[in-house]
Amino acid sequence: RNITGRRADFVLQAHLCTAWQNGQYKATRDLTE
C-alpha cells in the first residue's frame, strides 16, 4: 500500500526460503514451500 504509485522507484529486497505457517515465521529449504 505504501509504495503504490512508486513501485518502479522503490527497491524491494525480499527473501526466498521464508514462509508463513500457523501465524508464524518459518525458515524453510523445502522447494514447494
Full PDB file with SEQRES, HELIX, SHEET, SSBOND, CRYST1, ORIGX, SCALE, CONECT and MASTER records, all heavy atoms in Angstrom:
SEQRES   1 A   33  ARG ASN ILE THR GLY ARG ARG ALA ASP PHE VAL LEU GLN          
SEQRES   2 A   33  ALA HIS LEU CYS THR ALA TRP GLN ASN GLY GLN TYR LYS          
SEQRES   3 A   33  ALA THR ARG ASP LEU THR GLU                                  
HELIX    1 AA1 ARG A    7  ASP A    9  5                                   3    
SHEET    1 AA1 2 THR A  18  GLN A  21  0                                        
SHEET    2 AA1 2 GLN A  24  ALA A  27 -1                                        
CRYST1    1.000    1.000    1.000  90.00  90.00  90.00 P 1           1          
ORIGX1      1.000000  0.000000  0.000000        0.00000                         
ORIGX2      0.000000  1.000000  0.000000        0.00000                         
ORIGX3      0.000000  0.000000  1.000000        0.00000                         
SCALE1      1.000000  0.000000  0.000000        0.00000                         
SCALE2      0.000000  1.000000  0.000000        0.00000                         
SCALE3      0.000000  0.000000  1.000000        0.00000                         
ATOM      1  N   ARG A   1       0.833  -1.217   0.000  1.00  0.00           N  
ATOM      2  CA  ARG A   1       0.000   0.000   0.000  1.00  0.00           C  
ATOM      3  C   ARG A   1       0.860   1.257   0.000  1.00  0.00           C  
ATOM      4  O   ARG A   1       0.535   2.245  -0.665  1.00  0.00           O  
ATOM      5  CB  ARG A   1      -0.920   0.006   1.229  1.00  0.00           C  
ATOM      6  CG  ARG A   1      -2.054  -1.004   1.171  1.00  0.00           C  
ATOM      7  CD  ARG A   1      -3.094  -0.719   2.252  1.00  0.00           C  
ATOM      8  NE  ARG A   1      -2.550  -0.768   3.605  1.00  0.00           N  
ATOM      9  CZ  ARG A   1      -2.488  -1.867   4.359  1.00  0.00           C  
ATOM     10  NH1 ARG A   1      -2.937  -3.021   3.865  1.00  0.00           N  
ATOM     11  NH2 ARG A   1      -2.005  -1.822   5.580  1.00  0.00           N  
ATOM     12  N   ASN A   2       1.965   1.224   0.750  1.00  0.00           N  
ATOM     13  CA  ASN A   2       2.767   2.435   0.901  1.00  0.00           C  
ATOM     14  C   ASN A   2       3.640   2.752  -0.300  1.00  0.00           C  
ATOM     15  O   ASN A   2       4.101   3.885  -0.431  1.00  0.00           O  
ATOM     16  CB  ASN A   2       3.632   2.323   2.160  1.00  0.00           C  
ATOM     17  CG  ASN A   2       2.884   2.706   3.421  1.00  0.00           C  
ATOM     18  OD1 ASN A   2       2.750   3.883   3.735  1.00  0.00           O  
ATOM     19  ND2 ASN A   2       2.365   1.715   4.146  1.00  0.00           N  
ATOM     20  N   ILE A   3       3.877   1.779  -1.161  1.00  0.00           N  
ATOM     21  CA  ILE A   3       4.674   2.078  -2.360  1.00  0.00           C  
ATOM     22  C   ILE A   3       3.818   2.104  -3.619  1.00  0.00           C  
ATOM     23  O   ILE A   3       4.347   2.168  -4.730  1.00  0.00           O  
ATOM     24  CB  ILE A   3       5.841   1.080  -2.529  1.00  0.00           C  
ATOM     25  CG1 ILE A   3       5.341  -0.344  -2.728  1.00  0.00           C  
ATOM     26  CG2 ILE A   3       6.793   1.178  -1.345  1.00  0.00           C  
ATOM     27  CD1 ILE A   3       6.450  -1.327  -3.062  1.00  0.00           C  
ATOM     28  N   THR A   4       2.509   2.079  -3.445  1.00  0.00           N  
ATOM     29  CA  THR A   4       1.616   2.209  -4.601  1.00  0.00           C  
ATOM     30  C   THR A   4       1.916   3.512  -5.336  1.00  0.00           C  
ATOM     31  O   THR A   4       2.031   4.573  -4.722  1.00  0.00           O  
ATOM     32  CB  THR A   4       0.143   2.201  -4.140  1.00  0.00           C  
ATOM     33  OG1 THR A   4      -0.150   0.945  -3.520  1.00  0.00           O  
ATOM     34  CG2 THR A   4      -0.793   2.405  -5.325  1.00  0.00           C  
ATOM     35  N   GLY A   5       2.070   3.408  -6.645  1.00  0.00           N  
ATOM     36  CA  GLY A   5       2.368   4.586  -7.447  1.00  0.00           C  
ATOM     37  C   GLY A   5       3.836   4.913  -7.550  1.00  0.00           C  
ATOM     38  O   GLY A   5       4.215   5.791  -8.328  1.00  0.00           O  
ATOM     39  N   ARG A   6       4.678   4.227  -6.779  1.00  0.00           N  
ATOM     40  CA  ARG A   6       6.117   4.482  -6.848  1.00  0.00           C  
ATOM     41  C   ARG A   6       6.909   3.179  -6.853  1.00  0.00           C  
ATOM     42  O   ARG A   6       8.089   3.159  -6.510  1.00  0.00           O  
ATOM     43  CB  ARG A   6       6.550   5.382  -5.693  1.00  0.00           C  
ATOM     44  CG  ARG A   6       6.276   4.826  -4.323  1.00  0.00           C  
ATOM     45  CD  ARG A   6       6.245   5.900  -3.233  1.00  0.00           C  
ATOM     46  NE  ARG A   6       7.327   6.835  -3.270  1.00  0.00           N  
ATOM     47  CZ  ARG A   6       7.381   7.969  -2.550  1.00  0.00           C  
ATOM     48  NH1 ARG A   6       6.398   8.270  -1.740  1.00  0.00           N  
ATOM     49  NH2 ARG A   6       8.403   8.782  -2.631  1.00  0.00           N  
ATOM     50  N   ARG A   7       6.248   2.095  -7.252  1.00  0.00           N  
ATOM     51  CA  ARG A   7       6.902   0.791  -7.239  1.00  0.00           C  
ATOM     52  C   ARG A   7       8.203   0.790  -8.029  1.00  0.00           C  
ATOM     53  O   ARG A   7       9.220   0.227  -7.583  1.00  0.00           O  
ATOM     54  CB  ARG A   7       5.957  -0.285  -7.801  1.00  0.00           C  
ATOM     55  CG  ARG A   7       6.603  -1.673  -7.972  1.00  0.00           C  
ATOM     56  CD  ARG A   7       6.966  -2.270  -6.630  1.00  0.00           C  
ATOM     57  NE  ARG A   7       7.762  -3.495  -6.741  1.00  0.00           N  
ATOM     58  CZ  ARG A   7       9.080  -3.533  -6.721  1.00  0.00           C  
ATOM     59  NH1 ARG A   7       9.795  -2.409  -6.618  1.00  0.00           N  
ATOM     60  NH2 ARG A   7       9.722  -4.687  -6.803  1.00  0.00           N  
ATOM     61  N   ALA A   8       8.213   1.400  -9.204  1.00  0.00           N  
ATOM     62  CA  ALA A   8       9.407   1.373 -10.051  1.00  0.00           C  
ATOM     63  C   ALA A   8      10.570   2.129  -9.429  1.00  0.00           C  
ATOM     64  O   ALA A   8      11.729   1.905  -9.787  1.00  0.00           O  
ATOM     65  CB  ALA A   8       9.093   1.946 -11.426  1.00  0.00           C  
ATOM     66  N   ASP A   9      10.277   3.020  -8.480  1.00  0.00           N  
ATOM     67  CA  ASP A   9      11.321   3.820  -7.844  1.00  0.00           C  
ATOM     68  C   ASP A   9      11.742   3.264  -6.495  1.00  0.00           C  
ATOM     69  O   ASP A   9      12.601   3.839  -5.825  1.00  0.00           O  
ATOM     70  CB  ASP A   9      10.837   5.262  -7.649  1.00  0.00           C  
ATOM     71  CG  ASP A   9      10.487   5.923  -8.964  1.00  0.00           C  
ATOM     72  OD1 ASP A   9      11.215   5.705  -9.943  1.00  0.00           O  
ATOM     73  OD2 ASP A   9       9.484   6.650  -9.014  1.00  0.00           O  
ATOM     74  N   PHE A  10      11.140   2.138  -6.093  1.00  0.00           N  
ATOM     75  CA  PHE A  10      11.415   1.589  -4.774  1.00  0.00           C  
ATOM     76  C   PHE A  10      12.020   0.202  -4.922  1.00  0.00           C  
ATOM     77  O   PHE A  10      11.493  -0.648  -5.648  1.00  0.00           O  
ATOM     78  CB  PHE A  10      10.135   1.512  -3.943  1.00  0.00           C  
ATOM     79  CG  PHE A  10      10.389   1.393  -2.467  1.00  0.00           C  
ATOM     80  CD1 PHE A  10      10.600   2.528  -1.698  1.00  0.00           C  
ATOM     81  CD2 PHE A  10      10.427   0.160  -1.843  1.00  0.00           C  
ATOM     82  CE1 PHE A  10      10.845   2.428  -0.329  1.00  0.00           C  
ATOM     83  CE2 PHE A  10      10.673   0.048  -0.487  1.00  0.00           C  
ATOM     84  CZ  PHE A  10      10.875   1.189   0.274  1.00  0.00           C  
ATOM     85  N   VAL A  11      13.132  -0.030  -4.243  1.00  0.00           N  
ATOM     86  CA  VAL A  11      13.871  -1.289  -4.356  1.00  0.00           C  
ATOM     87  C   VAL A  11      13.457  -2.219  -3.217  1.00  0.00           C  
ATOM     88  O   VAL A  11      13.693  -1.919  -2.039  1.00  0.00           O  
ATOM     89  CB  VAL A  11      15.389  -1.037  -4.318  1.00  0.00           C  
ATOM     90  CG1 VAL A  11      16.149  -2.360  -4.351  1.00  0.00           C  
ATOM     91  CG2 VAL A  11      15.809  -0.143  -5.485  1.00  0.00           C  
ATOM     92  N   LEU A  12      12.859  -3.345  -3.581  1.00  0.00           N  
ATOM     93  CA  LEU A  12      12.448  -4.344  -2.606  1.00  0.00           C  
ATOM     94  C   LEU A  12      13.452  -5.490  -2.584  1.00  0.00           C  
ATOM     95  O   LEU A  12      13.688  -6.141  -3.598  1.00  0.00           O  
ATOM     96  CB  LEU A  12      11.058  -4.893  -2.936  1.00  0.00           C  
ATOM     97  CG  LEU A  12       9.864  -3.985  -2.632  1.00  0.00           C  
ATOM     98  CD1 LEU A  12       8.578  -4.651  -3.119  1.00  0.00           C  
ATOM     99  CD2 LEU A  12       9.779  -3.673  -1.147  1.00  0.00           C  
ATOM    100  N   GLN A  13      14.028  -5.713  -1.427  1.00  0.00           N  
ATOM    101  CA  GLN A  13      14.909  -6.845  -1.196  1.00  0.00           C  
ATOM    102  C   GLN A  13      14.107  -7.828  -0.352  1.00  0.00           C  
ATOM    103  O   GLN A  13      13.899  -7.616   0.838  1.00  0.00           O  
ATOM    104  CB  GLN A  13      16.161  -6.378  -0.455  1.00  0.00           C  
ATOM    105  CG  GLN A  13      17.107  -7.493  -0.033  1.00  0.00           C  
ATOM    106  CD  GLN A  13      18.334  -6.955   0.665  1.00  0.00           C  
ATOM    107  OE1 GLN A  13      19.258  -6.446   0.039  1.00  0.00           O  
ATOM    108  NE2 GLN A  13      18.370  -7.043   1.996  1.00  0.00           N  
ATOM    109  N   ALA A  14      13.602  -8.879  -0.973  1.00  0.00           N  
ATOM    110  CA  ALA A  14      12.720  -9.811  -0.274  1.00  0.00           C  
ATOM    111  C   ALA A  14      13.321 -11.211  -0.320  1.00  0.00           C  
ATOM    112  O   ALA A  14      14.036 -11.566  -1.253  1.00  0.00           O  
ATOM    113  CB  ALA A  14      11.329  -9.788  -0.894  1.00  0.00           C  
ATOM    114  N   HIS A  15      12.985 -12.014   0.674  1.00  0.00           N  
ATOM    115  CA  HIS A  15      13.719 -13.254   0.905  1.00  0.00           C  
ATOM    116  C   HIS A  15      12.982 -14.490   0.405  1.00  0.00           C  
ATOM    117  O   HIS A  15      11.794 -14.684   0.680  1.00  0.00           O  
ATOM    118  CB  HIS A  15      14.017 -13.401   2.393  1.00  0.00           C  
ATOM    119  CG  HIS A  15      15.001 -12.407   2.903  1.00  0.00           C  
ATOM    120  ND1 HIS A  15      16.068 -12.754   3.700  1.00  0.00           N  
ATOM    121  CD2 HIS A  15      15.120 -11.067   2.704  1.00  0.00           C  
ATOM    122  CE1 HIS A  15      16.789 -11.675   4.000  1.00  0.00           C  
ATOM    123  NE2 HIS A  15      16.206 -10.638   3.398  1.00  0.00           N  
ATOM    124  N   LEU A  16      13.730 -15.307  -0.331  1.00  0.00           N  
ATOM    125  CA  LEU A  16      13.304 -16.661  -0.626  1.00  0.00           C  
ATOM    126  C   LEU A  16      13.672 -17.533   0.577  1.00  0.00           C  
ATOM    127  O   LEU A  16      14.641 -17.245   1.273  1.00  0.00           O  
ATOM    128  CB  LEU A  16      14.017 -17.181  -1.877  1.00  0.00           C  
ATOM    129  CG  LEU A  16      13.892 -16.319  -3.141  1.00  0.00           C  
ATOM    130  CD1 LEU A  16      14.753 -16.900  -4.253  1.00  0.00           C  
ATOM    131  CD2 LEU A  16      12.450 -16.191  -3.582  1.00  0.00           C  
ATOM    132  N   CYS A  17      12.942 -18.603   0.776  1.00  0.00           N  
ATOM    133  CA  CYS A  17      13.207 -19.553   1.867  1.00  0.00           C  
ATOM    134  C   CYS A  17      12.651 -19.088   3.205  1.00  0.00           C  
ATOM    135  O   CYS A  17      13.098 -19.538   4.269  1.00  0.00           O  
ATOM    136  CB  CYS A  17      14.688 -19.891   2.006  1.00  0.00           C  
ATOM    137  SG  CYS A  17      15.421 -20.587   0.518  1.00  0.00           S  
ATOM    138  N   THR A  18      11.695 -18.165   3.203  1.00  0.00           N  
ATOM    139  CA  THR A  18      10.936 -17.879   4.412  1.00  0.00           C  
ATOM    140  C   THR A  18       9.461 -18.097   4.084  1.00  0.00           C  
ATOM    141  O   THR A  18       9.004 -17.780   2.983  1.00  0.00           O  
ATOM    142  CB  THR A  18      11.133 -16.438   4.914  1.00  0.00           C  
ATOM    143  OG1 THR A  18      10.597 -15.511   3.966  1.00  0.00           O  
ATOM    144  CG2 THR A  18      12.598 -16.143   5.148  1.00  0.00           C  
ATOM    145  N   ALA A  19       8.728 -18.652   5.037  1.00  0.00           N  
ATOM    146  CA  ALA A  19       7.302 -18.956   4.827  1.00  0.00           C  
ATOM    147  C   ALA A  19       6.517 -18.550   6.067  1.00  0.00           C  
ATOM    148  O   ALA A  19       7.082 -18.408   7.161  1.00  0.00           O  
ATOM    149  CB  ALA A  19       7.117 -20.445   4.544  1.00  0.00           C  
ATOM    150  N   TRP A  20       5.211 -18.357   5.876  1.00  0.00           N  
ATOM    151  CA  TRP A  20       4.316 -18.007   6.975  1.00  0.00           C  
ATOM    152  C   TRP A  20       3.387 -19.186   7.221  1.00  0.00           C  
ATOM    153  O   TRP A  20       2.569 -19.532   6.382  1.00  0.00           O  
ATOM    154  CB  TRP A  20       3.510 -16.768   6.609  1.00  0.00           C  
ATOM    155  CG  TRP A  20       2.751 -16.147   7.743  1.00  0.00           C  
ATOM    156  CD1 TRP A  20       1.401 -16.146   7.932  1.00  0.00           C  
ATOM    157  CD2 TRP A  20       3.295 -15.404   8.837  1.00  0.00           C  
ATOM    158  NE1 TRP A  20       1.071 -15.472   9.069  1.00  0.00           N  
ATOM    159  CE2 TRP A  20       2.215 -14.996   9.656  1.00  0.00           C  
ATOM    160  CE3 TRP A  20       4.598 -15.060   9.210  1.00  0.00           C  
ATOM    161  CZ2 TRP A  20       2.393 -14.253  10.821  1.00  0.00           C  
ATOM    162  CZ3 TRP A  20       4.771 -14.316  10.366  1.00  0.00           C  
ATOM    163  CH2 TRP A  20       3.680 -13.917  11.154  1.00  0.00           C  
ATOM    164  N   GLN A  21       3.564 -19.809   8.365  1.00  0.00           N  
ATOM    165  CA  GLN A  21       2.768 -21.001   8.680  1.00  0.00           C  
ATOM    166  C   GLN A  21       2.227 -20.911  10.099  1.00  0.00           C  
ATOM    167  O   GLN A  21       2.974 -20.645  11.040  1.00  0.00           O  
ATOM    168  CB  GLN A  21       3.616 -22.273   8.523  1.00  0.00           C  
ATOM    169  CG  GLN A  21       4.031 -22.550   7.087  1.00  0.00           C  
ATOM    170  CD  GLN A  21       4.788 -23.857   6.934  1.00  0.00           C  
ATOM    171  OE1 GLN A  21       4.946 -24.600   7.901  1.00  0.00           O  
ATOM    172  NE2 GLN A  21       5.246 -24.148   5.732  1.00  0.00           N  
ATOM    173  N   ASN A  22       0.919 -21.121  10.233  1.00  0.00           N  
ATOM    174  CA  ASN A  22       0.255 -21.097  11.543  1.00  0.00           C  
ATOM    175  C   ASN A  22       0.532 -19.791  12.291  1.00  0.00           C  
ATOM    176  O   ASN A  22       0.749 -19.775  13.501  1.00  0.00           O  
ATOM    177  CB  ASN A  22       0.707 -22.292  12.393  1.00  0.00           C  
ATOM    178  CG  ASN A  22       0.420 -23.622  11.727  1.00  0.00           C  
ATOM    179  OD1 ASN A  22      -0.664 -23.820  11.172  1.00  0.00           O  
ATOM    180  ND2 ASN A  22       1.388 -24.537  11.760  1.00  0.00           N  
ATOM    181  N   GLY A  23       0.527 -18.692  11.497  1.00  0.00           N  
ATOM    182  CA  GLY A  23       0.723 -17.383  12.102  1.00  0.00           C  
ATOM    183  C   GLY A  23       2.127 -17.092  12.560  1.00  0.00           C  
ATOM    184  O   GLY A  23       2.360 -16.178  13.358  1.00  0.00           O  
ATOM    185  N   GLN A  24       3.108 -17.856  12.047  1.00  0.00           N  
ATOM    186  CA  GLN A  24       4.493 -17.671  12.476  1.00  0.00           C  
ATOM    187  C   GLN A  24       5.460 -17.722  11.294  1.00  0.00           C  
ATOM    188  O   GLN A  24       5.180 -18.363  10.278  1.00  0.00           O  
ATOM    189  CB  GLN A  24       4.896 -18.749  13.489  1.00  0.00           C  
ATOM    190  CG  GLN A  24       4.187 -18.646  14.828  1.00  0.00           C  
ATOM    191  CD  GLN A  24       4.725 -19.650  15.826  1.00  0.00           C  
ATOM    192  OE1 GLN A  24       5.222 -20.702  15.443  1.00  0.00           O  
ATOM    193  NE2 GLN A  24       4.650 -19.327  17.104  1.00  0.00           N  
ATOM    194  N   TYR A  25       6.596 -17.047  11.482  1.00  0.00           N  
ATOM    195  CA  TYR A  25       7.701 -17.103  10.524  1.00  0.00           C  
ATOM    196  C   TYR A  25       8.369 -18.465  10.575  1.00  0.00           C  
ATOM    197  O   TYR A  25       8.560 -19.046  11.645  1.00  0.00           O  
ATOM    198  CB  TYR A  25       8.706 -15.998  10.878  1.00  0.00           C  
ATOM    199  CG  TYR A  25      10.148 -16.277  10.539  1.00  0.00           C  
ATOM    200  CD1 TYR A  25      10.659 -15.985   9.278  1.00  0.00           C  
ATOM    201  CD2 TYR A  25      11.009 -16.826  11.491  1.00  0.00           C  
ATOM    202  CE1 TYR A  25      11.996 -16.228   8.985  1.00  0.00           C  
ATOM    203  CE2 TYR A  25      12.343 -17.065  11.203  1.00  0.00           C  
ATOM    204  CZ  TYR A  25      12.832 -16.761   9.950  1.00  0.00           C  
ATOM    205  OH  TYR A  25      14.142 -17.005   9.660  1.00  0.00           O  
ATOM    206  N   LYS A  26       8.741 -18.964   9.407  1.00  0.00           N  
ATOM    207  CA  LYS A  26       9.468 -20.231   9.325  1.00  0.00           C  
ATOM    208  C   LYS A  26      10.535 -20.113   8.243  1.00  0.00           C  
ATOM    209  O   LYS A  26      10.236 -19.714   7.110  1.00  0.00           O  
ATOM    210  CB  LYS A  26       8.519 -21.377   8.984  1.00  0.00           C  
ATOM    211  CG  LYS A  26       9.227 -22.717   8.764  1.00  0.00           C  
ATOM    212  CD  LYS A  26       8.259 -23.789   8.267  1.00  0.00           C  
ATOM    213  CE  LYS A  26       8.986 -25.100   7.979  1.00  0.00           C  
ATOM    214  NZ  LYS A  26       8.071 -26.136   7.438  1.00  0.00           N  
ATOM    215  N   ALA A  27      11.783 -20.455   8.599  1.00  0.00           N  
ATOM    216  CA  ALA A  27      12.829 -20.591   7.585  1.00  0.00           C  
ATOM    217  C   ALA A  27      12.708 -21.988   6.994  1.00  0.00           C  
ATOM    218  O   ALA A  27      12.607 -22.967   7.736  1.00  0.00           O  
ATOM    219  CB  ALA A  27      14.205 -20.395   8.212  1.00  0.00           C  
ATOM    220  N   THR A  28      12.685 -22.093   5.671  1.00  0.00           N  
ATOM    221  CA  THR A  28      12.456 -23.389   5.032  1.00  0.00           C  
ATOM    222  C   THR A  28      13.377 -23.578   3.846  1.00  0.00           C  
ATOM    223  O   THR A  28      13.738 -22.606   3.176  1.00  0.00           O  
ATOM    224  CB  THR A  28      10.993 -23.528   4.576  1.00  0.00           C  
ATOM    225  OG1 THR A  28      10.817 -24.803   3.945  1.00  0.00           O  
ATOM    226  CG2 THR A  28      10.605 -22.425   3.589  1.00  0.00           C  
ATOM    227  N   ARG A  29      13.768 -24.813   3.585  1.00  0.00           N  
ATOM    228  CA  ARG A  29      14.520 -25.175   2.382  1.00  0.00           C  
ATOM    229  C   ARG A  29      13.711 -26.138   1.524  1.00  0.00           C  
ATOM    230  O   ARG A  29      14.238 -26.684   0.562  1.00  0.00           O  
ATOM    231  CB  ARG A  29      15.860 -25.820   2.769  1.00  0.00           C  
ATOM    232  CG  ARG A  29      16.673 -25.021   3.773  1.00  0.00           C  
ATOM    233  CD  ARG A  29      17.018 -23.618   3.323  1.00  0.00           C  
ATOM    234  NE  ARG A  29      17.617 -22.845   4.414  1.00  0.00           N  
ATOM    235  CZ  ARG A  29      17.991 -21.577   4.331  1.00  0.00           C  
ATOM    236  NH1 ARG A  29      17.808 -20.922   3.197  1.00  0.00           N  
ATOM    237  NH2 ARG A  29      18.525 -20.956   5.362  1.00  0.00           N  
ATOM    238  N   ASP A  30      12.454 -26.331   1.897  1.00  0.00           N  
ATOM    239  CA  ASP A  30      11.573 -27.177   1.105  1.00  0.00           C  
ATOM    240  C   ASP A  30      11.111 -26.399  -0.124  1.00  0.00           C  
ATOM    241  O   ASP A  30      10.480 -25.346  -0.001  1.00  0.00           O  
ATOM    242  CB  ASP A  30      10.366 -27.600   1.942  1.00  0.00           C  
ATOM    243  CG  ASP A  30       9.414 -28.502   1.181  1.00  0.00           C  
ATOM    244  OD1 ASP A  30       8.538 -27.958   0.457  1.00  0.00           O  
ATOM    245  OD2 ASP A  30       9.551 -29.729   1.293  1.00  0.00           O  
ATOM    246  N   LEU A  31      11.431 -26.896  -1.315  1.00  0.00           N  
ATOM    247  CA  LEU A  31      11.204 -26.134  -2.537  1.00  0.00           C  
ATOM    248  C   LEU A  31       9.734 -25.795  -2.734  1.00  0.00           C  
ATOM    249  O   LEU A  31       9.401 -24.680  -3.170  1.00  0.00           O  
ATOM    250  CB  LEU A  31      11.746 -26.905  -3.748  1.00  0.00           C  
ATOM    251  CG  LEU A  31      11.681 -26.172  -5.087  1.00  0.00           C  
ATOM    252  CD1 LEU A  31      12.403 -24.833  -5.012  1.00  0.00           C  
ATOM    253  CD2 LEU A  31      12.281 -27.037  -6.194  1.00  0.00           C  
ATOM    254  N   THR A  32       8.846 -26.711  -2.430  1.00  0.00           N  
ATOM    255  CA  THR A  32       7.420 -26.435  -2.588  1.00  0.00           C  
ATOM    256  C   THR A  32       6.987 -25.292  -1.679  1.00  0.00           C  
ATOM    257  O   THR A  32       6.254 -24.381  -2.101  1.00  0.00           O  
ATOM    258  CB  THR A  32       6.595 -27.697  -2.288  1.00  0.00           C  
ATOM    259  OG1 THR A  32       6.965 -28.728  -3.205  1.00  0.00           O  
ATOM    260  CG2 THR A  32       5.106 -27.411  -2.428  1.00  0.00           C  
ATOM    261  N   GLU A  33       7.446 -25.315  -0.433  1.00  0.00           N  
ATOM    262  CA  GLU A  33       7.109 -24.232   0.494  1.00  0.00           C  
ATOM    263  C   GLU A  33       7.710 -22.908   0.035  1.00  0.00           C  
ATOM    264  O   GLU A  33       7.070 -21.850   0.142  1.00  0.00           O  
ATOM    265  CB  GLU A  33       7.621 -24.572   1.901  1.00  0.00           C  
ATOM    266  CG  GLU A  33       6.872 -25.720   2.556  1.00  0.00           C  
ATOM    267  CD  GLU A  33       7.377 -26.020   3.951  1.00  0.00           C  
ATOM    268  OE1 GLU A  33       8.480 -25.542   4.322  1.00  0.00           O  
ATOM    269  OE2 GLU A  33       6.661 -26.729   4.681  1.00  0.00           O  
TER     270      GLU A  33                                                      
MASTER        0    0    0    1    2    0    0    6  269    1    0    3          
END                                                                             
